[in-house]
Amino acid sequence: MYPELSQMLSNLYGQLGSIYSHLEDNEKAYTHLNQAVSYDDGNLVNWISLATLDLKLNKGDSCMQICQRILDFDANNSKAIELQGDLHHKFGQLEQAFMFYKKAIEVNPESHSANSSIGDIFRNKGKLKEAIEHYKKAISVRIDLADTFSKLCNAKLHCCDWEQQDEYYQHLYELVCKQMQTSNELPCVDPFSIFMYSQFTPEQKFLICKRYAEQKKQMTLRNIVASSGRKFTGYKHQKVQIYDRANASLFKIRLGYVSYDFADHPLAHLLASIFAFHDRSRFQVVAFSLRKNDGSEWRQKIERGCDEFYEIPECRNSVELADFIHSKNIQILFNLNGWTTGERTDVFVLRPAPLQVSYMGFCGSMGGDFMDYLVTDEVASPVSVIDKIYQEKAIYMPHSYFVNDYMQSSQYVFSPTRSTRPQYNLPPDKFIFANFNQLYKLDPATYTVWMNIMRRVPNSVLWLLEYPADARENLWREAEARGVSRDRIIITPKAQKHEHIERCHLADLCLDNPITNGHTTTVDLLWSGLPIITYPISDNMPSRVAASLCCALECPEQVVQSYQEYEEYAVRLATSQHGDSKGIDVSAIPKEIRERPHGSNELKYLRAKVQAKRMSAPLFNTRMWVEHLEVGLLEAWRRYSQASQQQQVKQQATSVQESSPWGPTASNSSPQKEQIEFDTAPPYPLQHIRVADLLQQQKVKRV
């Protein structure tokens, strides 16, 4: 073949391969790029594209070999050096990755992607100032780097760097809107981060989650075809009758819980007892941990509470993990991660269980039709919006959806000897407002309200956590800009879980974040006996969780409906001249609360109520919460069983024991469209489940 023709074909196949790679059609991309280098093995651009695709497909050895081949030909090829850094970065080898990125920048100071990658490493290490510096360097080279600009906004948000925030966030909003107008483009803001930005409407945030879910679905199915040459057609699931008390041997529902967070993690702190509390006459409990045993007390407690507990190696791919879960004959499978760190949404795309439920890990709709239900409540997810901004149907809990384990794990809050302010260098003579959330949840508008409150309550300080440390100077500067001295902003290190819960009571009043509330932190402080003011500013679930918790504690007066009400209520509670409120029987307030030196009688009455309700209100009754969840799960399974008897379930494959859930081997030609059109939707129309109605029906039947 003529050299000119070979070069032309190499360029053509290389361009096609890059296009298919961008469209996430990895099989076609791989085929075309290999053809490209076969026509001209001196075309380094195509070799770079092939190495990049190898990296995406976790073919680390092949990627490294190609990079070395390129560097043998061109020792200063900055892209090959950078790809070596990417490979180390992907496998968590941050120091080696940093070395290669620095070398790539030395070779090519204009390498925007290497600067962005160094920014990622600094951000992962919590060095946000350095991350921001490198993201800005990358953007100075190329202004159109949407992903890098999103990371820059995220880093600034996490350390409360609000300089030019309106301009930054408006540009981010425009970038995402432009990306969403393109049918296949993935937005530069991920589903977890999007809820931090108030510029986006609840409907827009939901559509972004749907886009990510569809992308995950398509990538999972395409990767299966590309890696195995086989077509996924689904699993065959059992059709079984619901549990019948008259014949206890008939059937027990096997619940599966999948999580990366069975460790010293807030989710494990909250869920530790629910596994053991399940009714073993109706359920069997199986857990699948996506990380290694960290030896923590919470991991051990969860393991003891399960009938079966499996630790899944990180290297298992979508098919291997889905096959494994399906082989355990799970009827209802919980996704406890959602779109958070360590998630394996790809496995849920393949539907290894007939019913799949989203719970706790991600606060909102997953956006994918492969998730059937979301466990929530009517305060966190109002009925008026449930069908507008949620893909899943709701299992509505009668009280808060947010479970906790503190009645079992944290009885020390009732000790007669509690921690004191001097132990933590907190001023004994000041009214202490507090907020214990990660600081990315704080926004300028809320901080302005807090500073207004502090100016109106002169003898007060604000207690925050160093979460992260890089926010300290920014918060002090922003306080001074709002007329509050920096020495009134007390920022202390984080504490271990039990110590944190115990010491929360040292504050007088918690001020919550409206855009993204404190979730676990709100449960922490309420259990410690500290009152809170929360404002559910939007219909988004992250904004409404604290209100859900307050209502379940039977203290709805802690929920306000505007910033103005927020400010006035905080000042009234903190200021003693407002203390002689009508209708408050001061003598009914316990002596140790009544004698607290700061705050109004109204606040002291509220504190006494919060502390008393811990033992009687539904919020901390873990056993009752599990019983209510089981009522919802039994109803979900009843509906599934009934529907499966009336119509054939859509997934048509035979069981794993008889054959794999795959069709025949695909031909060498490009895969047909139906190979990525596996129907992940439920096989029958789902409806919301309201547990309170089911409990009432049971009550009527008993009567």
Foldseek 3Di string as FASTA:
>chain_A
DDLVVLQVQLVVLLVVLVVCVQLLLLQSNQVSLVSSCVSPVVPLSSLLSNLVSCLVLVVLVSNLVSLVVVCVVPVLPLSSLQSVLVSCVVVPNNVSSLVSLVSSCVSPVLPLVSLQVVLVSCVVVVNLVSSLVSLVSSCVSPVPPLLSLLVNLLSCLLQVVCVVVVVSLVVNVVQQVVQVVDPRGQRSAALQRVLLDPVDALLRSLVNLQNVQVVLLLNLLSSCCSVPLFFFQAADADQAAAADPVCLVRDAAEEEEEDQPQALDLVLQFCQCLLQLFDPSHYAYEYEHADDYPVDPSNVSNCVSHPYYHYDDNPDGLQRVLQVLLVVRHAEYEQAAQPHPSGDVSNLSRPSHQAYEYENNGQFASSHLSHAEYEAACQLAPPVCCVSRHPYFYQHFPAGSRGGACVPPAPVLPDPDADECVVQVHDLFAQEEEDEDRSSLDDLVLLLLVLVLCVLRVRYAYEYECNDVSNLVVSQVSSVVSPHHSVRYHYYYDDRDNSLLRCLVNHLEYEFRQSATDASVLVSNLQSLHYYAAEPAHSRSRRRRSCSLCVQLVNNVSYDHDSVCSSVVSNLFFDAVNAVDPPDDLVPQDPVLSPRPTGHVVSSVSSSSSNVSCPPGRRHVNSVSSVLVVLSVSVVSNVVSVVCVVDPWSRDAYHVVVHRSTDDRHDPDSDDPVSSVRDSHNRDDDHHHYSVVVVVVVVVVVD
